[in-house]
């Protein structure tokens, strides 16, 4: 398998796809392409990027190609067994899938105004009201998962899985912009940062030379 991703410092969707590949336990080649550099538009026209219209991450497995991080999670779940990604029981699995899908399709203000930059910690400022509303929803989701199904470990549903993969970039954004969170969430976020996969990704981001100025600014308004 070959996974093509963008800059580790900035590419939130790439982080999700990469974590999914790591969680699968399958061997894969990692190809990092710098976003928005001088060759970006030309590179996106290549055959490897054609199925996704130039978006990353994109996973090639022989002739099979998968793009979109949630699709990559599901593809790998089919290959190695869903218990590696999703809770075994129906009730927690239903909730985990719903939360992953909501993260995939929602939280637009948080995404737009607080882009991922895993190498920075900006001064704390009061987030806009729409971001605060999304943070409240985020805390509600995390609290429900931890209270109902998180007793078996430190992650949303006990053990690290697909839901944690989908929320991983949000965890980094909260730290980068020092966003307000509920006290209970601090333990979960620490567990995420301490996970070996996250430590590997952060180390890779620190080693990158690329700088994208538009992502090196405090929160947008």
N, C-alpha and C. Protein backbone atom coordinates (compact mmCIF):
# COMPACT_ATOMS: atom_id res chain seq x y z
N UNK A 1 0.84 -1.18 0.00
CA UNK A 1 0.00 0.00 0.00
C UNK A 1 0.88 1.24 0.00
N UNK A 2 0.36 2.31 -0.61
CA UNK A 2 1.06 3.59 -0.63
C UNK A 2 0.07 4.68 -0.24
N UNK A 3 0.43 5.47 0.77
CA UNK A 3 -0.41 6.56 1.25
C UNK A 3 0.28 7.88 0.91
N UNK A 4 -0.42 8.72 0.15
CA UNK A 4 0.09 10.04 -0.20
C UNK A 4 -0.58 11.06 0.72
N UNK A 5 0.24 11.83 1.41
CA UNK A 5 -0.27 12.80 2.38
C UNK A 5 0.38 14.16 2.15
N UNK A 6 -0.21 15.20 2.76
CA UNK A 6 0.35 16.53 2.73
C UNK A 6 1.22 16.78 3.95
N UNK A 7 1.64 18.02 4.09
CA UNK A 7 2.52 18.41 5.19
C UNK A 7 1.96 17.95 6.53
N UNK A 8 2.81 17.33 7.34
CA UNK A 8 2.35 16.85 8.64
C UNK A 8 2.03 17.99 9.59
N UNK A 9 2.64 19.13 9.40
CA UNK A 9 2.36 20.27 10.28
C UNK A 9 0.96 20.81 10.10
N UNK A 10 0.41 20.71 8.86
CA UNK A 10 -0.81 21.44 8.54
C UNK A 10 -1.99 20.58 8.09
N UNK A 11 -1.74 19.39 7.58
CA UNK A 11 -2.79 18.66 6.86
C UNK A 11 -3.58 17.76 7.81
N UNK A 12 -4.74 18.26 8.23
CA UNK A 12 -5.57 17.53 9.19
C UNK A 12 -6.13 16.23 8.61
N UNK A 13 -6.59 16.29 7.36
CA UNK A 13 -7.14 15.08 6.75
C UNK A 13 -6.06 14.04 6.53
N UNK A 14 -4.85 14.49 6.22
CA UNK A 14 -3.74 13.54 6.07
C UNK A 14 -3.45 12.83 7.38
N UNK A 15 -3.52 13.57 8.49
CA UNK A 15 -3.30 12.95 9.80
C UNK A 15 -4.29 11.82 10.01
N UNK A 16 -5.55 12.03 9.66
CA UNK A 16 -6.55 10.98 9.86
C UNK A 16 -6.23 9.75 9.01
N UNK A 17 -5.93 9.96 7.74
CA UNK A 17 -5.62 8.84 6.87
C UNK A 17 -4.38 8.08 7.33
N UNK A 18 -3.38 8.82 7.78
CA UNK A 18 -2.13 8.20 8.25
C UNK A 18 -2.38 7.40 9.52
N UNK A 19 -3.12 7.96 10.46
CA UNK A 19 -3.44 7.23 11.69
C UNK A 19 -4.21 5.95 11.38
N UNK A 20 -5.11 6.02 10.41
CA UNK A 20 -5.86 4.82 10.03
C UNK A 20 -4.92 3.74 9.51
N UNK A 21 -3.97 4.12 8.68
CA UNK A 21 -3.02 3.14 8.16
C UNK A 21 -2.17 2.55 9.28
N UNK A 22 -1.74 3.38 10.20
CA UNK A 22 -0.96 2.88 11.33
C UNK A 22 -1.80 1.93 12.19
N UNK A 23 -3.05 2.29 12.43
CA UNK A 23 -3.93 1.48 13.25
C UNK A 23 -4.21 0.13 12.60
N UNK A 24 -4.20 0.08 11.29
CA UNK A 24 -4.48 -1.18 10.59
C UNK A 24 -3.41 -2.24 10.86
N UNK A 25 -2.21 -1.80 11.16
CA UNK A 25 -1.11 -2.74 11.34
C UNK A 25 -0.49 -3.22 10.05
N UNK A 26 -1.00 -2.77 8.91
CA UNK A 26 -0.48 -3.19 7.61
C UNK A 26 0.70 -2.31 7.21
N UNK A 27 1.62 -2.90 6.47
CA UNK A 27 2.76 -2.14 5.97
C UNK A 27 2.30 -1.19 4.86
N UNK A 28 2.83 0.02 4.86
CA UNK A 28 2.49 0.96 3.80
C UNK A 28 3.65 1.92 3.57
N UNK A 29 3.76 2.36 2.33
CA UNK A 29 4.75 3.39 1.97
C UNK A 29 4.11 4.75 2.20
N UNK A 30 4.84 5.64 2.82
CA UNK A 30 4.37 7.00 3.10
C UNK A 30 5.04 7.97 2.14
N UNK A 31 4.23 8.72 1.41
CA UNK A 31 4.75 9.72 0.48
C UNK A 31 4.19 11.08 0.89
N UNK A 32 5.06 11.99 1.31
CA UNK A 32 4.65 13.33 1.73
C UNK A 32 4.89 14.30 0.59
N UNK A 33 3.83 15.02 0.21
CA UNK A 33 3.96 16.04 -0.84
C UNK A 33 3.64 17.40 -0.21
N UNK A 34 4.51 18.39 -0.39
CA UNK A 34 4.26 19.70 0.21
C UNK A 34 3.07 20.39 -0.43
N UNK A 35 2.15 20.85 0.38
CA UNK A 35 0.96 21.53 -0.12
C UNK A 35 1.31 22.92 -0.64
N UNK A 36 0.74 23.28 -1.75
CA UNK A 36 0.78 24.65 -2.28
C UNK A 36 2.18 25.14 -2.62
N UNK A 37 3.12 24.23 -2.87
CA UNK A 37 4.43 24.68 -3.32
C UNK A 37 4.38 24.96 -4.83
N UNK A 38 5.54 25.27 -5.42
CA UNK A 38 5.57 25.67 -6.83
C UNK A 38 5.11 24.55 -7.76
N UNK A 39 5.23 23.31 -7.31
CA UNK A 39 4.88 22.16 -8.15
C UNK A 39 3.49 21.59 -7.82
N UNK A 40 2.77 22.25 -6.92
CA UNK A 40 1.53 21.68 -6.41
C UNK A 40 0.51 21.46 -7.52
N UNK A 41 0.24 22.49 -8.31
CA UNK A 41 -0.79 22.36 -9.35
C UNK A 41 -0.40 21.30 -10.37
N UNK A 42 0.86 21.27 -10.76
CA UNK A 42 1.32 20.27 -11.73
C UNK A 42 1.22 18.87 -11.15
N UNK A 43 1.60 18.72 -9.88
CA UNK A 43 1.58 17.41 -9.24
C UNK A 43 0.15 16.88 -9.15
N UNK A 44 -0.81 17.76 -8.90
CA UNK A 44 -2.19 17.34 -8.76
C UNK A 44 -2.76 16.79 -10.07
N UNK A 45 -2.14 17.12 -11.18
CA UNK A 45 -2.62 16.64 -12.47
C UNK A 45 -2.14 15.24 -12.79
N UNK A 46 -1.25 14.69 -11.97
CA UNK A 46 -0.70 13.37 -12.24
C UNK A 46 -1.71 12.26 -12.02
N UNK A 47 -1.40 11.10 -12.58
CA UNK A 47 -2.32 9.96 -12.51
C UNK A 47 -2.59 9.51 -11.07
N UNK A 48 -1.59 9.62 -10.20
CA UNK A 48 -1.80 9.15 -8.83
C UNK A 48 -2.85 9.97 -8.10
N UNK A 49 -3.02 11.23 -8.50
CA UNK A 49 -3.96 12.12 -7.83
C UNK A 49 -5.29 12.24 -8.57
N UNK A 50 -5.36 11.71 -9.76
CA UNK A 50 -6.56 11.90 -10.58
C UNK A 50 -7.85 11.44 -9.89
N UNK A 51 -7.87 10.28 -9.23
CA UNK A 51 -9.14 9.84 -8.63
C UNK A 51 -9.70 10.80 -7.59
N UNK A 52 -8.81 11.52 -6.87
CA UNK A 52 -9.27 12.41 -5.81
C UNK A 52 -9.29 13.86 -6.24
N UNK A 53 -9.07 14.13 -7.51
CA UNK A 53 -8.99 15.51 -8.02
C UNK A 53 -7.90 16.30 -7.30
N UNK A 54 -6.84 15.62 -6.95
CA UNK A 54 -5.69 16.30 -6.36
C UNK A 54 -5.69 16.42 -4.86
N UNK A 55 -6.71 15.89 -4.19
CA UNK A 55 -6.78 16.01 -2.74
C UNK A 55 -5.98 14.91 -2.05
N UNK A 56 -5.50 15.23 -0.86
CA UNK A 56 -4.83 14.24 -0.02
C UNK A 56 -5.64 14.11 1.28
N UNK A 57 -5.58 12.94 1.92
CA UNK A 57 -4.77 11.76 1.60
C UNK A 57 -5.42 10.92 0.50
N UNK A 58 -4.59 10.14 -0.12
CA UNK A 58 -5.08 9.17 -1.09
C UNK A 58 -4.28 7.88 -0.91
N UNK A 59 -4.99 6.77 -0.80
CA UNK A 59 -4.38 5.48 -0.52
C UNK A 59 -4.50 4.58 -1.74
N UNK A 60 -3.36 4.08 -2.19
CA UNK A 60 -3.32 3.10 -3.27
C UNK A 60 -2.98 1.74 -2.68
N UNK A 61 -3.76 0.73 -3.05
CA UNK A 61 -3.52 -0.65 -2.62
C UNK A 61 -3.62 -1.52 -3.87
N UNK A 62 -2.49 -1.67 -4.56
CA UNK A 62 -2.55 -2.31 -5.87
C UNK A 62 -3.36 -1.45 -6.82
N UNK A 63 -4.38 -2.02 -7.44
CA UNK A 63 -5.24 -1.26 -8.34
C UNK A 63 -6.37 -0.53 -7.60
N UNK A 64 -6.55 -0.83 -6.35
CA UNK A 64 -7.59 -0.17 -5.56
C UNK A 64 -7.09 1.19 -5.08
N UNK A 65 -7.94 2.19 -5.16
CA UNK A 65 -7.58 3.52 -4.69
C UNK A 65 -8.71 4.05 -3.81
N UNK A 66 -8.32 4.65 -2.69
CA UNK A 66 -9.28 5.17 -1.73
C UNK A 66 -8.85 6.57 -1.34
N UNK A 67 -9.76 7.52 -1.42
CA UNK A 67 -9.48 8.85 -0.92
C UNK A 67 -10.58 9.22 0.07
N UNK A 68 -10.36 10.29 0.78
CA UNK A 68 -11.22 10.70 1.90
C UNK A 68 -10.88 9.84 3.12
N UNK A 69 -10.58 10.51 4.21
CA UNK A 69 -10.07 9.80 5.39
C UNK A 69 -11.04 8.78 5.97
N UNK A 70 -12.33 9.13 6.01
CA UNK A 70 -13.30 8.19 6.57
C UNK A 70 -13.43 6.96 5.67
N UNK A 71 -13.35 7.16 4.37
CA UNK A 71 -13.37 6.02 3.46
C UNK A 71 -12.15 5.14 3.65
N UNK A 72 -11.00 5.75 3.93
CA UNK A 72 -9.78 4.98 4.20
C UNK A 72 -9.95 4.16 5.46
N UNK A 73 -10.54 4.75 6.49
CA UNK A 73 -10.83 3.99 7.72
C UNK A 73 -11.67 2.77 7.40
N UNK A 74 -12.73 2.95 6.64
CA UNK A 74 -13.63 1.84 6.36
C UNK A 74 -12.98 0.79 5.46
N UNK A 75 -12.19 1.24 4.49
CA UNK A 75 -11.50 0.29 3.61
C UNK A 75 -10.56 -0.59 4.42
N UNK A 76 -9.79 0.03 5.30
CA UNK A 76 -8.84 -0.74 6.10
C UNK A 76 -9.56 -1.60 7.12
N UNK A 77 -10.69 -1.13 7.63
CA UNK A 77 -11.49 -1.94 8.53
C UNK A 77 -11.97 -3.22 7.85
N UNK A 78 -12.34 -3.10 6.58
CA UNK A 78 -12.73 -4.29 5.82
C UNK A 78 -11.57 -5.27 5.67
N UNK A 79 -10.37 -4.74 5.54
CA UNK A 79 -9.20 -5.60 5.30
C UNK A 79 -8.73 -6.33 6.56
N UNK A 80 -8.77 -5.65 7.70
CA UNK A 80 -8.16 -6.23 8.90
C UNK A 80 -9.17 -6.60 9.97
N UNK A 81 -10.43 -6.27 9.78
CA UNK A 81 -11.46 -6.55 10.79
C UNK A 81 -11.86 -5.29 11.52
N UNK A 82 -13.16 -5.09 11.64
CA UNK A 82 -13.64 -3.82 12.16
C UNK A 82 -13.32 -3.62 13.63
N UNK A 83 -13.05 -4.72 14.38
CA UNK A 83 -12.78 -4.57 15.80
C UNK A 83 -11.50 -3.80 16.06
N UNK A 84 -10.63 -3.68 15.07
CA UNK A 84 -9.41 -2.89 15.24
C UNK A 84 -9.74 -1.39 15.22
N UNK A 85 -10.88 -1.03 14.62
CA UNK A 85 -11.25 0.37 14.47
C UNK A 85 -12.50 0.76 15.26
N UNK A 86 -13.44 -0.17 15.39
CA UNK A 86 -14.74 0.16 15.96
C UNK A 86 -15.02 -0.72 17.17
N UNK A 87 -15.81 -0.22 18.14
CA UNK A 87 -16.20 -1.07 19.27
C UNK A 87 -16.92 -2.33 18.80
N UNK A 88 -16.75 -3.40 19.54
CA UNK A 88 -17.34 -4.68 19.14
C UNK A 88 -18.85 -4.72 19.34
N UNK A 89 -19.36 -4.06 20.38
CA UNK A 89 -20.78 -4.11 20.69
C UNK A 89 -21.56 -3.09 19.86
N UNK A 90 -22.84 -3.41 19.64
CA UNK A 90 -23.66 -2.58 18.76
C UNK A 90 -23.82 -1.15 19.26
N UNK A 91 -24.14 -0.97 20.54
CA UNK A 91 -24.44 0.38 21.04
C UNK A 91 -23.24 1.32 20.95
N UNK A 92 -22.07 0.95 21.46
CA UNK A 92 -20.94 1.86 21.32
C UNK A 92 -20.49 2.01 19.87
N UNK A 93 -20.61 0.96 19.08
CA UNK A 93 -20.21 1.08 17.68
C UNK A 93 -21.11 2.05 16.93
N UNK A 94 -22.41 2.01 17.23
CA UNK A 94 -23.34 2.94 16.59
C UNK A 94 -23.00 4.37 16.95
N UNK A 95 -22.69 4.60 18.21
CA UNK A 95 -22.33 5.95 18.63
C UNK A 95 -21.01 6.38 18.02
N UNK A 96 -20.03 5.50 17.99
CA UNK A 96 -18.72 5.84 17.42
C UNK A 96 -18.84 6.19 15.94
N UNK A 97 -19.63 5.42 15.21
CA UNK A 97 -19.82 5.73 13.79
C UNK A 97 -20.51 7.07 13.61
N UNK A 98 -21.51 7.35 14.43
CA UNK A 98 -22.23 8.62 14.32
C UNK A 98 -21.30 9.80 14.64
N UNK A 99 -20.48 9.65 15.67
CA UNK A 99 -19.56 10.72 16.03
C UNK A 99 -18.51 10.94 14.94
N UNK A 100 -18.00 9.86 14.38
CA UNK A 100 -17.01 9.99 13.30
C UNK A 100 -17.62 10.69 12.10
N UNK A 101 -18.85 10.34 11.77
CA UNK A 101 -19.52 10.97 10.63
C UNK A 101 -19.81 12.44 10.91
N UNK A 102 -20.21 12.78 12.14
CA UNK A 102 -20.46 14.18 12.48
C UNK A 102 -19.18 15.00 12.40
N UNK A 103 -18.10 14.44 12.88
CA UNK A 103 -16.81 15.15 12.77
C UNK A 103 -16.44 15.35 11.31
N UNK A 104 -16.73 14.37 10.50
CA UNK A 104 -16.40 14.42 9.07
C UNK A 104 -17.16 15.53 8.35
N UNK A 105 -18.39 15.80 8.77
CA UNK A 105 -19.25 16.69 8.00
C UNK A 105 -19.53 18.03 8.68
N UNK A 106 -19.12 18.19 9.92
CA UNK A 106 -19.53 19.37 10.70
C UNK A 106 -18.33 20.15 11.20
N UNK A 107 -18.59 21.03 12.17
CA UNK A 107 -17.56 21.84 12.81
C UNK A 107 -16.83 22.74 11.81
N UNK A 108 -17.62 23.35 10.93
CA UNK A 108 -17.02 24.15 9.85
C UNK A 108 -16.36 25.42 10.37
N UNK A 109 -16.93 26.06 11.38
CA UNK A 109 -16.31 27.29 11.91
C UNK A 109 -14.97 26.99 12.55
N UNK A 110 -14.91 25.92 13.31
CA UNK A 110 -13.66 25.53 13.94
C UNK A 110 -12.60 25.21 12.90
N UNK A 111 -12.98 24.50 11.86
CA UNK A 111 -12.03 24.19 10.79
C UNK A 111 -11.53 25.45 10.09
N UNK A 112 -12.46 26.34 9.78
CA UNK A 112 -12.14 27.51 8.96
C UNK A 112 -11.31 28.54 9.72
N UNK A 113 -11.63 28.73 10.98
CA UNK A 113 -11.00 29.81 11.74
C UNK A 113 -9.79 29.36 12.55
N UNK A 114 -9.65 28.05 12.71
CA UNK A 114 -8.54 27.52 13.50
C UNK A 114 -7.90 26.36 12.73
N UNK A 115 -7.22 26.69 11.67
CA UNK A 115 -6.59 25.66 10.84
C UNK A 115 -5.50 24.94 11.62
N UNK A 116 -5.21 23.72 11.23
CA UNK A 116 -4.23 22.93 11.97
C UNK A 116 -2.83 23.46 11.74
N UNK A 117 -2.10 23.61 12.82
CA UNK A 117 -0.67 23.89 12.78
C UNK A 117 -0.07 23.25 14.02
N UNK A 118 0.45 22.07 13.85
CA UNK A 118 0.85 21.26 14.99
C UNK A 118 2.14 21.74 15.62
N UNK A 119 2.82 22.69 14.96
CA UNK A 119 4.10 23.19 15.47
C UNK A 119 3.96 24.48 16.28
N UNK A 120 2.76 25.04 16.35
CA UNK A 120 2.59 26.35 16.98
C UNK A 120 1.67 26.27 18.20
N UNK A 121 1.88 27.21 19.12
CA UNK A 121 0.92 27.50 20.17
C UNK A 121 0.73 29.01 20.18
N UNK A 122 -0.44 29.46 19.73
CA UNK A 122 -0.72 30.89 19.62
C UNK A 122 -1.28 31.42 20.94
N UNK A 123 -1.14 32.73 21.18
CA UNK A 123 -1.75 33.32 22.39
C UNK A 123 -3.26 33.08 22.40
N UNK A 124 -3.77 32.81 23.58
CA UNK A 124 -5.20 32.54 23.71
C UNK A 124 -6.01 33.81 23.53
N UNK A 125 -7.04 33.72 22.71
CA UNK A 125 -8.02 34.79 22.55
C UNK A 125 -9.41 34.17 22.63
N UNK A 126 -10.40 34.99 22.92
CA UNK A 126 -11.76 34.46 22.98
C UNK A 126 -12.22 34.04 21.60
N UNK A 127 -12.60 32.79 21.42
CA UNK A 127 -13.09 32.36 20.10
C UNK A 127 -14.40 33.04 19.75
N UNK A 128 -14.70 33.09 18.46
CA UNK A 128 -15.99 33.61 18.01
C UNK A 128 -17.13 32.73 18.53
N UNK A 129 -18.31 33.30 18.55
CA UNK A 129 -19.45 32.59 19.11
C UNK A 129 -19.74 31.29 18.37
N UNK A 130 -19.58 31.29 17.05
CA UNK A 130 -19.87 30.04 16.32
C UNK A 130 -18.85 28.96 16.66
N UNK A 131 -17.62 29.35 16.91
CA UNK A 131 -16.61 28.37 17.34
C UNK A 131 -16.91 27.87 18.74
N UNK A 132 -17.31 28.77 19.63
CA UNK A 132 -17.67 28.36 20.99
C UNK A 132 -18.83 27.36 20.99
N UNK A 133 -19.79 27.59 20.12
CA UNK A 133 -20.92 26.66 20.03
C UNK A 133 -20.45 25.28 19.57
N UNK A 134 -19.54 25.26 18.63
CA UNK A 134 -19.02 23.98 18.14
C UNK A 134 -18.17 23.30 19.20
N UNK A 135 -17.40 24.06 19.96
CA UNK A 135 -16.63 23.47 21.06
C UNK A 135 -17.56 22.87 22.11
N UNK A 136 -18.67 23.54 22.37
CA UNK A 136 -19.64 22.98 23.32
C UNK A 136 -20.19 21.65 22.82
N UNK A 137 -20.51 21.59 21.54
CA UNK A 137 -20.99 20.34 20.96
C UNK A 137 -19.91 19.26 21.03
N UNK A 138 -18.69 19.65 20.79
CA UNK A 138 -17.57 18.71 20.87
C UNK A 138 -17.46 18.13 22.28
N UNK A 139 -17.56 18.99 23.29
CA UNK A 139 -17.49 18.52 24.67
C UNK A 139 -18.64 17.59 25.00
N UNK A 140 -19.83 17.90 24.47
CA UNK A 140 -20.98 17.02 24.70
C UNK A 140 -20.73 15.63 24.13
N UNK A 141 -20.21 15.57 22.94
CA UNK A 141 -19.94 14.28 22.31
C UNK A 141 -18.89 13.50 23.10
N UNK A 142 -17.81 14.15 23.42
CA UNK A 142 -16.75 13.47 24.16
C UNK A 142 -17.24 12.99 25.53
N UNK A 143 -18.03 13.84 26.20
CA UNK A 143 -18.53 13.47 27.53
C UNK A 143 -19.45 12.25 27.44
N UNK A 144 -20.32 12.22 26.45
CA UNK A 144 -21.23 11.08 26.30
C UNK A 144 -20.46 9.80 26.05
N UNK A 145 -19.49 9.86 25.15
CA UNK A 145 -18.72 8.67 24.81
C UNK A 145 -17.93 8.17 26.01
N UNK A 146 -17.27 9.07 26.70
CA UNK A 146 -16.46 8.67 27.85
C UNK A 146 -17.34 8.12 28.98
N UNK A 147 -18.48 8.78 29.24
CA UNK A 147 -19.34 8.36 30.34
C UNK A 147 -20.00 7.02 30.05
N UNK A 148 -20.44 6.82 28.82
CA UNK A 148 -21.19 5.61 28.50
C UNK A 148 -20.29 4.42 28.16
N UNK A 149 -19.20 4.68 27.45
CA UNK A 149 -18.46 3.56 26.88
C UNK A 149 -16.95 3.66 27.05
N UNK A 150 -16.46 4.66 27.76
CA UNK A 150 -15.02 4.86 27.84
C UNK A 150 -14.34 4.23 29.03
N UNK A 151 -15.06 3.43 29.79
CA UNK A 151 -14.50 2.90 31.02
C UNK A 151 -13.35 1.93 30.84
N UNK A 152 -13.19 1.37 29.65
CA UNK A 152 -12.16 0.36 29.43
C UNK A 152 -10.80 0.91 29.06
N UNK A 153 -10.64 2.23 29.07
CA UNK A 153 -9.36 2.81 28.70
C UNK A 153 -9.43 4.32 28.72
N UNK A 154 -8.44 4.96 28.11
CA UNK A 154 -8.31 6.41 28.17
C UNK A 154 -8.92 7.15 26.98
N UNK A 155 -9.46 6.39 26.02
CA UNK A 155 -9.93 7.02 24.79
C UNK A 155 -11.46 7.09 24.78
N UNK A 156 -12.02 7.63 23.71
CA UNK A 156 -13.45 7.91 23.70
C UNK A 156 -14.29 6.68 23.99
N UNK A 157 -13.91 5.56 23.42
CA UNK A 157 -14.63 4.32 23.63
C UNK A 157 -13.74 3.29 24.31
N UNK A 158 -12.87 3.76 25.17
CA UNK A 158 -11.96 2.89 25.91
C UNK A 158 -10.64 2.74 25.20
N UNK A 159 -10.65 1.96 24.12
CA UNK A 159 -9.44 1.73 23.35
C UNK A 159 -9.37 2.65 22.14
N UNK A 160 -8.17 2.99 21.73
CA UNK A 160 -7.96 3.86 20.57
C UNK A 160 -8.61 3.25 19.33
N UNK A 161 -9.35 4.08 18.58
CA UNK A 161 -10.04 3.56 17.41
C UNK A 161 -10.41 4.65 16.44
N UNK A 162 -11.36 4.35 15.58
CA UNK A 162 -11.71 5.24 14.47
C UNK A 162 -12.22 6.60 14.95
N UNK A 163 -13.02 6.61 16.02
CA UNK A 163 -13.53 7.89 16.51
C UNK A 163 -12.39 8.79 16.95
N UNK A 164 -11.42 8.24 17.64
CA UNK A 164 -10.26 9.03 18.06
C UNK A 164 -9.47 9.52 16.86
N UNK A 165 -9.35 8.68 15.85
CA UNK A 165 -8.66 9.08 14.62
C UNK A 165 -9.33 10.29 14.00
N UNK A 166 -10.64 10.28 13.94
CA UNK A 166 -11.36 11.39 13.31
C UNK A 166 -11.25 12.68 14.11
N UNK A 167 -11.15 12.58 15.44
CA UNK A 167 -11.07 13.78 16.27
C UNK A 167 -9.63 14.23 16.53
N UNK A 168 -8.65 13.47 16.09
CA UNK A 168 -7.25 13.79 16.40
C UNK A 168 -6.84 15.21 15.98
N UNK A 169 -7.17 15.68 14.76
CA UNK A 169 -6.76 17.04 14.40
C UNK A 169 -7.41 18.12 15.26
N UNK A 170 -8.63 17.86 15.74
CA UNK A 170 -9.29 18.82 16.61
C UNK A 170 -8.53 18.93 17.94
N UNK A 171 -8.03 17.81 18.44
CA UNK A 171 -7.24 17.83 19.66
C UNK A 171 -6.03 18.74 19.48
N UNK A 172 -5.37 18.65 18.34
CA UNK A 172 -4.20 19.51 18.11
C UNK A 172 -4.60 20.97 17.98
N UNK A 173 -5.74 21.25 17.36
CA UNK A 173 -6.20 22.64 17.24
C UNK A 173 -6.47 23.26 18.60
N UNK A 174 -7.07 22.50 19.50
CA UNK A 174 -7.38 23.02 20.83
C UNK A 174 -6.10 23.47 21.52
N UNK A 175 -5.04 22.71 21.36
CA UNK A 175 -3.76 23.08 21.96
C UNK A 175 -3.14 24.27 21.23
N UNK A 176 -3.14 24.23 19.91
CA UNK A 176 -2.51 25.29 19.12
C UNK A 176 -3.09 26.66 19.44
N UNK A 177 -4.41 26.73 19.59
CA UNK A 177 -5.08 28.01 19.81
C UNK A 177 -5.53 28.20 21.25
N UNK A 178 -5.14 27.26 22.14
CA UNK A 178 -5.51 27.33 23.55
C UNK A 178 -7.01 27.58 23.72
N UNK A 179 -7.79 26.75 23.04
CA UNK A 179 -9.24 26.90 23.07
C UNK A 179 -9.81 26.38 24.38
N UNK A 180 -10.91 26.96 24.84
CA UNK A 180 -11.49 26.54 26.12
C UNK A 180 -12.18 25.19 26.01
N UNK A 181 -11.90 24.32 26.96
CA UNK A 181 -12.51 22.99 26.99
C UNK A 181 -12.93 22.67 28.42
N UNK A 182 -13.77 21.66 28.55
CA UNK A 182 -14.17 21.17 29.87
C UNK A 182 -12.99 20.47 30.55
N UNK A 183 -12.99 20.49 31.87
CA UNK A 183 -11.87 19.90 32.61
C UNK A 183 -11.69 18.42 32.30
N UNK A 184 -12.80 17.69 32.17
CA UNK A 184 -12.69 16.25 31.94
C UNK A 184 -11.94 15.92 30.66
N UNK A 185 -12.00 16.83 29.68
CA UNK A 185 -11.39 16.57 28.37
C UNK A 185 -9.88 16.60 28.40
N UNK A 186 -9.29 17.18 29.43
CA UNK A 186 -7.84 17.29 29.49
C UNK A 186 -7.17 15.92 29.53
N UNK A 187 -7.76 15.00 30.27
CA UNK A 187 -7.20 13.66 30.35
C UNK A 187 -7.25 12.94 29.01
N UNK A 188 -8.38 13.07 28.32
CA UNK A 188 -8.49 12.46 27.00
C UNK A 188 -7.48 13.04 26.03
N UNK A 189 -7.35 14.36 26.03
CA UNK A 189 -6.40 15.00 25.12
C UNK A 189 -4.97 14.57 25.43
N UNK A 190 -4.63 14.43 26.70
CA UNK A 190 -3.29 13.98 27.04
C UNK A 190 -3.05 12.57 26.55
N UNK A 191 -4.05 11.72 26.69
CA UNK A 191 -3.93 10.35 26.18
C UNK A 191 -3.70 10.35 24.67
N UNK A 192 -4.39 11.24 23.97
CA UNK A 192 -4.19 11.33 22.52
C UNK A 192 -2.77 11.75 22.19
N UNK A 193 -2.28 12.78 22.84
CA UNK A 193 -0.92 13.24 22.55
C UNK A 193 0.14 12.22 22.95
N UNK A 194 -0.14 11.43 23.96
CA UNK A 194 0.82 10.43 24.40
C UNK A 194 0.82 9.17 23.55
N UNK A 195 -0.19 9.00 22.71
CA UNK A 195 -0.26 7.79 21.89
C UNK A 195 0.96 7.74 20.97
N UNK A 196 1.59 6.57 20.83
CA UNK A 196 2.80 6.49 20.01
C UNK A 196 2.62 6.95 18.56
N UNK A 197 1.45 6.69 17.98
CA UNK A 197 1.22 7.15 16.62
C UNK A 197 1.24 8.68 16.54
N UNK A 198 0.59 9.33 17.50
CA UNK A 198 0.58 10.79 17.51
C UNK A 198 1.98 11.33 17.76
N UNK A 199 2.73 10.70 18.63
CA UNK A 199 4.10 11.14 18.89
C UNK A 199 4.95 11.04 17.62
N UNK A 200 4.76 9.99 16.86
CA UNK A 200 5.51 9.83 15.61
C UNK A 200 5.13 10.93 14.61
N UNK A 201 3.84 11.22 14.51
CA UNK A 201 3.38 12.25 13.57
C UNK A 201 3.94 13.63 13.97
N UNK A 202 3.86 13.95 15.24
CA UNK A 202 4.34 15.25 15.71
C UNK A 202 5.84 15.38 15.47
N UNK A 203 6.58 14.32 15.71
CA UNK A 203 8.02 14.36 15.45
C UNK A 203 8.30 14.60 13.97
N UNK A 204 7.52 13.96 13.10
CA UNK A 204 7.68 14.19 11.67
C UNK A 204 7.37 15.62 11.28
N UNK A 205 6.34 16.20 11.90
CA UNK A 205 5.99 17.58 11.61
C UNK A 205 7.10 18.53 12.02
N UNK A 206 7.73 18.26 13.15
CA UNK A 206 8.81 19.12 13.63
C UNK A 206 10.02 19.08 12.71
N UNK A 207 10.19 17.98 12.01
CA UNK A 207 11.35 17.82 11.12
C UNK A 207 11.14 18.46 9.75
N UNK A 208 9.91 18.83 9.41
CA UNK A 208 9.64 19.40 8.10
C UNK A 208 10.24 20.81 7.98
N UNK A 209 10.75 21.11 6.79
CA UNK A 209 11.29 22.44 6.52
C UNK A 209 10.25 23.38 5.93
N UNK A 210 9.14 22.84 5.41
CA UNK A 210 8.17 23.66 4.69
C UNK A 210 7.41 24.57 5.65
N UNK A 211 7.19 25.77 5.21
CA UNK A 211 6.39 26.74 5.96
C UNK A 211 5.35 27.33 5.02
N UNK A 212 4.08 27.29 5.42
CA UNK A 212 2.98 27.89 4.66
C UNK A 212 2.47 29.07 5.47
N UNK A 213 2.76 30.28 4.99
CA UNK A 213 2.53 31.48 5.78
C UNK A 213 1.06 31.65 6.19
N UNK A 214 0.14 31.24 5.32
CA UNK A 214 -1.28 31.45 5.63
C UNK A 214 -1.72 30.63 6.84
N UNK A 215 -0.97 29.60 7.18
CA UNK A 215 -1.30 28.78 8.35
C UNK A 215 -0.45 29.14 9.56
N UNK A 216 0.36 30.17 9.43
CA UNK A 216 1.25 30.57 10.53
C UNK A 216 0.72 31.82 11.24
N UNK A 217 -0.56 32.08 11.08
CA UNK A 217 -1.18 33.24 11.70
C UNK A 217 -2.14 32.80 12.79
N UNK A 218 -2.39 33.67 13.78
CA UNK A 218 -3.42 33.33 14.79
C UNK A 218 -4.79 33.12 14.14
N UNK A 219 -5.77 32.82 14.94
CA UNK A 219 -7.09 32.45 14.45
C UNK A 219 -7.67 33.50 13.50
N UNK A 220 -8.35 33.01 12.47
CA UNK A 220 -9.06 33.90 11.54
C UNK A 220 -10.33 34.40 12.20
N UNK A 221 -10.86 35.51 11.68
CA UNK A 221 -12.11 36.05 12.20
C UNK A 221 -13.10 36.24 11.06
